[in-house]
N, C-alpha and C. Protein backbone atom coordinates (compact mmCIF):
# COMPACT_ATOMS: atom_id res chain seq x y z
N MET A 1 290.95 -90.52 196.00
CA MET A 1 290.12 -90.93 197.12
C MET A 1 289.05 -91.89 196.59
N GLU A 2 289.16 -93.16 196.94
CA GLU A 2 288.23 -94.16 196.46
C GLU A 2 287.28 -94.59 197.57
N ILE A 3 285.99 -94.34 197.36
CA ILE A 3 284.97 -94.80 198.30
C ILE A 3 284.66 -96.25 197.96
N LYS A 4 284.71 -97.12 198.96
CA LYS A 4 284.43 -98.54 198.77
C LYS A 4 283.08 -98.86 199.40
N GLN A 5 282.56 -100.03 199.05
CA GLN A 5 281.26 -100.46 199.58
C GLN A 5 281.30 -101.94 199.93
N VAL A 6 280.66 -102.28 201.03
CA VAL A 6 280.36 -103.68 201.35
C VAL A 6 278.85 -103.75 201.59
N ASP A 7 278.24 -104.85 201.17
CA ASP A 7 276.79 -105.00 201.26
C ASP A 7 276.48 -106.48 201.33
N ASP A 8 275.77 -106.90 202.37
CA ASP A 8 275.44 -108.32 202.52
C ASP A 8 273.96 -108.61 202.22
N GLY A 9 273.26 -107.62 201.65
CA GLY A 9 271.85 -107.80 201.34
C GLY A 9 270.91 -107.43 202.47
N LYS A 10 271.45 -107.26 203.67
CA LYS A 10 270.67 -106.84 204.83
C LYS A 10 271.14 -105.48 205.34
N LYS A 11 272.43 -105.27 205.26
CA LYS A 11 273.03 -104.00 205.66
C LYS A 11 274.33 -103.80 204.89
N GLY A 12 274.86 -102.62 204.99
CA GLY A 12 276.09 -102.34 204.27
C GLY A 12 276.68 -101.02 204.71
N LYS A 13 277.76 -100.65 204.03
CA LYS A 13 278.39 -99.37 204.32
C LYS A 13 279.22 -98.93 203.13
N PHE A 14 279.38 -97.62 203.06
CA PHE A 14 280.33 -96.99 202.16
C PHE A 14 281.44 -96.49 203.06
N PHE A 15 282.68 -96.66 202.63
CA PHE A 15 283.77 -96.29 203.52
C PHE A 15 285.01 -95.88 202.73
N LEU A 16 285.91 -95.23 203.45
CA LEU A 16 287.18 -94.77 202.90
C LEU A 16 288.29 -95.31 203.78
N GLU A 17 289.25 -95.98 203.18
CA GLU A 17 290.42 -96.47 203.90
C GLU A 17 291.65 -95.71 203.43
N ILE A 18 292.50 -95.40 204.37
CA ILE A 18 293.79 -94.79 204.06
C ILE A 18 294.86 -95.65 204.73
N GLU A 19 295.74 -96.19 203.93
CA GLU A 19 296.81 -97.05 204.42
C GLU A 19 296.28 -98.17 205.32
N GLY A 20 295.17 -98.80 204.88
CA GLY A 20 294.61 -99.93 205.60
C GLY A 20 293.76 -99.61 206.80
N THR A 21 293.57 -98.32 207.09
CA THR A 21 292.75 -97.91 208.23
C THR A 21 291.49 -97.21 207.73
N GLN A 22 290.35 -97.66 208.23
CA GLN A 22 289.10 -97.01 207.85
C GLN A 22 289.02 -95.65 208.52
N GLU A 23 288.87 -94.61 207.69
CA GLU A 23 288.86 -93.23 208.19
C GLU A 23 287.49 -92.56 208.08
N ALA A 24 286.57 -93.19 207.34
CA ALA A 24 285.23 -92.62 207.19
C ALA A 24 284.27 -93.73 206.80
N GLU A 25 283.01 -93.61 207.27
CA GLU A 25 282.00 -94.59 206.88
C GLU A 25 280.61 -94.00 206.95
N MET A 26 279.74 -94.57 206.13
CA MET A 26 278.31 -94.28 206.18
C MET A 26 277.62 -95.63 206.12
N THR A 27 276.84 -95.97 207.15
CA THR A 27 276.20 -97.28 207.22
C THR A 27 274.73 -97.19 206.87
N TYR A 28 274.21 -98.32 206.41
CA TYR A 28 272.79 -98.39 206.06
C TYR A 28 272.25 -99.79 206.32
N THR A 29 270.94 -99.85 206.44
CA THR A 29 270.22 -101.11 206.64
C THR A 29 269.08 -101.15 205.64
N TYR A 30 268.85 -102.31 205.06
CA TYR A 30 267.73 -102.45 204.12
C TYR A 30 266.41 -102.43 204.87
N ALA A 31 265.43 -101.76 204.29
CA ALA A 31 264.04 -101.75 204.78
C ALA A 31 263.21 -102.32 203.63
N GLY A 32 263.25 -103.62 203.49
CA GLY A 32 262.64 -104.26 202.33
C GLY A 32 263.67 -104.34 201.21
N LYS A 33 263.21 -104.67 200.01
CA LYS A 33 264.14 -104.85 198.89
C LYS A 33 264.45 -103.56 198.15
N GLU A 34 263.63 -102.54 198.34
CA GLU A 34 263.76 -101.34 197.52
C GLU A 34 264.06 -100.08 198.32
N LYS A 35 264.39 -100.22 199.61
CA LYS A 35 264.69 -99.05 200.43
C LYS A 35 265.86 -99.36 201.35
N ILE A 36 266.66 -98.33 201.59
CA ILE A 36 267.69 -98.42 202.62
C ILE A 36 267.51 -97.28 203.60
N ILE A 37 267.85 -97.56 204.84
CA ILE A 37 267.85 -96.54 205.89
C ILE A 37 269.31 -96.18 206.14
N ILE A 38 269.66 -94.94 205.86
CA ILE A 38 271.01 -94.47 206.15
C ILE A 38 271.01 -94.06 207.61
N ASP A 39 271.77 -94.78 208.43
CA ASP A 39 271.65 -94.59 209.87
C ASP A 39 272.86 -93.98 210.56
N HIS A 40 273.99 -93.88 209.89
CA HIS A 40 275.17 -93.35 210.59
C HIS A 40 276.21 -92.89 209.57
N THR A 41 276.82 -91.76 209.86
CA THR A 41 277.96 -91.27 209.07
C THR A 41 279.01 -90.79 210.05
N GLU A 42 280.25 -91.19 209.79
CA GLU A 42 281.35 -90.78 210.66
C GLU A 42 282.60 -90.56 209.83
N VAL A 43 283.28 -89.45 210.09
CA VAL A 43 284.52 -89.12 209.40
C VAL A 43 285.57 -88.81 210.46
N SER A 44 286.77 -89.36 210.30
CA SER A 44 287.82 -89.14 211.28
C SER A 44 288.22 -87.66 211.33
N GLU A 45 288.76 -87.27 212.46
CA GLU A 45 289.16 -85.88 212.66
C GLU A 45 290.13 -85.40 211.57
N LYS A 46 291.04 -86.26 211.15
CA LYS A 46 292.04 -85.81 210.19
C LYS A 46 291.46 -85.57 208.79
N LEU A 47 290.24 -86.03 208.54
CA LEU A 47 289.61 -85.80 207.24
C LEU A 47 288.47 -84.79 207.30
N LYS A 48 288.14 -84.30 208.48
CA LYS A 48 287.04 -83.32 208.61
C LYS A 48 287.32 -82.09 207.76
N GLY A 49 286.26 -81.57 207.17
CA GLY A 49 286.38 -80.35 206.37
C GLY A 49 286.87 -80.57 204.95
N GLN A 50 287.01 -81.83 204.54
CA GLN A 50 287.51 -82.13 203.19
C GLN A 50 286.43 -82.67 202.26
N GLY A 51 285.17 -82.63 202.72
CA GLY A 51 284.06 -83.07 201.87
C GLY A 51 283.90 -84.57 201.79
N VAL A 52 284.54 -85.31 202.68
CA VAL A 52 284.46 -86.77 202.64
C VAL A 52 283.04 -87.26 202.91
N GLY A 53 282.34 -86.65 203.86
CA GLY A 53 280.96 -87.03 204.14
C GLY A 53 280.08 -86.88 202.92
N TYR A 54 280.27 -85.79 202.17
CA TYR A 54 279.51 -85.57 200.95
C TYR A 54 279.83 -86.66 199.92
N LYS A 55 281.08 -87.06 199.84
CA LYS A 55 281.48 -88.10 198.89
C LYS A 55 280.84 -89.44 199.25
N LEU A 56 280.69 -89.72 200.55
CA LEU A 56 280.01 -90.94 200.98
C LEU A 56 278.55 -90.91 200.53
N VAL A 57 277.88 -89.79 200.73
CA VAL A 57 276.48 -89.65 200.31
C VAL A 57 276.37 -89.79 198.80
N GLU A 58 277.28 -89.16 198.07
CA GLU A 58 277.26 -89.23 196.61
C GLU A 58 277.43 -90.69 196.13
N ALA A 59 278.31 -91.44 196.77
CA ALA A 59 278.50 -92.85 196.41
C ALA A 59 277.21 -93.63 196.67
N ALA A 60 276.54 -93.33 197.78
CA ALA A 60 275.28 -94.00 198.10
C ALA A 60 274.22 -93.67 197.05
N VAL A 61 274.15 -92.41 196.65
CA VAL A 61 273.16 -92.00 195.64
C VAL A 61 273.43 -92.72 194.31
N ASP A 62 274.69 -92.81 193.92
CA ASP A 62 275.03 -93.53 192.68
C ASP A 62 274.58 -94.99 192.77
N PHE A 63 274.85 -95.63 193.92
CA PHE A 63 274.45 -97.02 194.14
C PHE A 63 272.93 -97.16 194.08
N MET A 64 272.21 -96.25 194.73
CA MET A 64 270.75 -96.33 194.76
C MET A 64 270.17 -96.15 193.36
N ARG A 65 270.71 -95.23 192.60
CA ARG A 65 270.21 -95.03 191.24
C ARG A 65 270.45 -96.26 190.38
N ALA A 66 271.62 -96.85 190.49
CA ALA A 66 271.96 -98.03 189.70
C ALA A 66 271.13 -99.25 190.11
N SER A 67 270.71 -99.29 191.38
CA SER A 67 269.98 -100.44 191.92
C SER A 67 268.48 -100.20 192.05
N ASN A 68 268.02 -99.02 191.66
CA ASN A 68 266.61 -98.64 191.78
C ASN A 68 266.12 -98.78 193.22
N ILE A 69 266.88 -98.19 194.13
CA ILE A 69 266.59 -98.22 195.56
C ILE A 69 266.36 -96.78 196.03
N LYS A 70 265.49 -96.63 197.01
CA LYS A 70 265.22 -95.32 197.62
C LYS A 70 265.86 -95.25 198.99
N ALA A 71 266.04 -94.03 199.50
CA ALA A 71 266.69 -93.83 200.79
C ALA A 71 265.76 -93.20 201.81
N ILE A 72 265.96 -93.62 203.05
CA ILE A 72 265.36 -92.97 204.20
C ILE A 72 266.57 -92.50 205.04
N PRO A 73 266.93 -91.23 204.92
CA PRO A 73 268.13 -90.75 205.63
C PRO A 73 267.81 -90.38 207.09
N LEU A 74 268.02 -91.30 208.01
CA LEU A 74 267.79 -91.02 209.43
C LEU A 74 269.02 -90.41 210.09
N CYS A 75 270.18 -90.66 209.55
CA CYS A 75 271.41 -90.06 210.07
C CYS A 75 271.30 -88.53 209.89
N PRO A 76 271.55 -87.76 210.96
CA PRO A 76 271.42 -86.30 210.86
C PRO A 76 272.28 -85.69 209.74
N PHE A 77 273.50 -86.17 209.58
CA PHE A 77 274.36 -85.62 208.52
C PHE A 77 273.77 -85.92 207.14
N ALA A 78 273.45 -87.19 206.91
CA ALA A 78 272.90 -87.56 205.60
C ALA A 78 271.58 -86.82 205.33
N ALA A 79 270.74 -86.70 206.34
CA ALA A 79 269.48 -85.96 206.17
C ALA A 79 269.74 -84.52 205.77
N ALA A 80 270.75 -83.90 206.39
CA ALA A 80 271.08 -82.51 206.05
C ALA A 80 271.58 -82.40 204.62
N VAL A 81 272.38 -83.35 204.18
CA VAL A 81 272.89 -83.33 202.80
C VAL A 81 271.74 -83.52 201.81
N PHE A 82 270.84 -84.46 202.09
CA PHE A 82 269.70 -84.67 201.20
C PHE A 82 268.80 -83.43 201.15
N LYS A 83 268.67 -82.75 202.27
CA LYS A 83 267.86 -81.53 202.30
C LYS A 83 268.54 -80.41 201.51
N LYS A 84 269.84 -80.27 201.70
CA LYS A 84 270.60 -79.21 201.02
C LYS A 84 270.63 -79.44 199.51
N LYS A 85 270.75 -80.69 199.09
CA LYS A 85 270.84 -81.02 197.66
C LYS A 85 269.55 -81.70 197.18
N HIS A 86 268.44 -81.25 197.72
CA HIS A 86 267.15 -81.89 197.44
C HIS A 86 266.86 -82.04 195.95
N ASP A 87 267.07 -80.99 195.19
CA ASP A 87 266.75 -81.06 193.76
C ASP A 87 267.60 -82.10 193.03
N ALA A 88 268.84 -82.26 193.44
CA ALA A 88 269.74 -83.21 192.79
C ALA A 88 269.47 -84.65 193.22
N TYR A 89 268.97 -84.84 194.46
CA TYR A 89 268.83 -86.18 195.02
C TYR A 89 267.39 -86.62 195.25
N LYS A 90 266.41 -85.79 194.90
CA LYS A 90 265.01 -86.12 195.22
C LYS A 90 264.54 -87.43 194.58
N ASP A 91 265.18 -87.84 193.50
CA ASP A 91 264.76 -89.07 192.83
C ASP A 91 265.06 -90.33 193.65
N VAL A 92 265.95 -90.23 194.64
CA VAL A 92 266.27 -91.42 195.45
C VAL A 92 265.68 -91.34 196.85
N LEU A 93 264.94 -90.29 197.14
CA LEU A 93 264.32 -90.19 198.47
C LEU A 93 263.02 -90.96 198.52
N SER A 94 262.82 -91.62 199.64
CA SER A 94 261.60 -92.42 199.81
C SER A 94 260.43 -91.52 200.17
């Protein structure tokens, strides 16, 4: 399962494609050069319960650490994951 990313410097997303069809995504928008707002997470019904949403958040955290960016998780799912894994992810929270 490979999480991919697209980013145009203003907004971006982490996503999962299966056989050419996007089945999951987490979108974000830049709030300045050093912060992103995670605003939406969606996983298709056929992938629910497989931890795909967590993998999207994990990919975002890896990207933020590598880029020295902080997150503002406004998406309810992402906010819940950041709260649940606060100790592991607190370094990327704004």
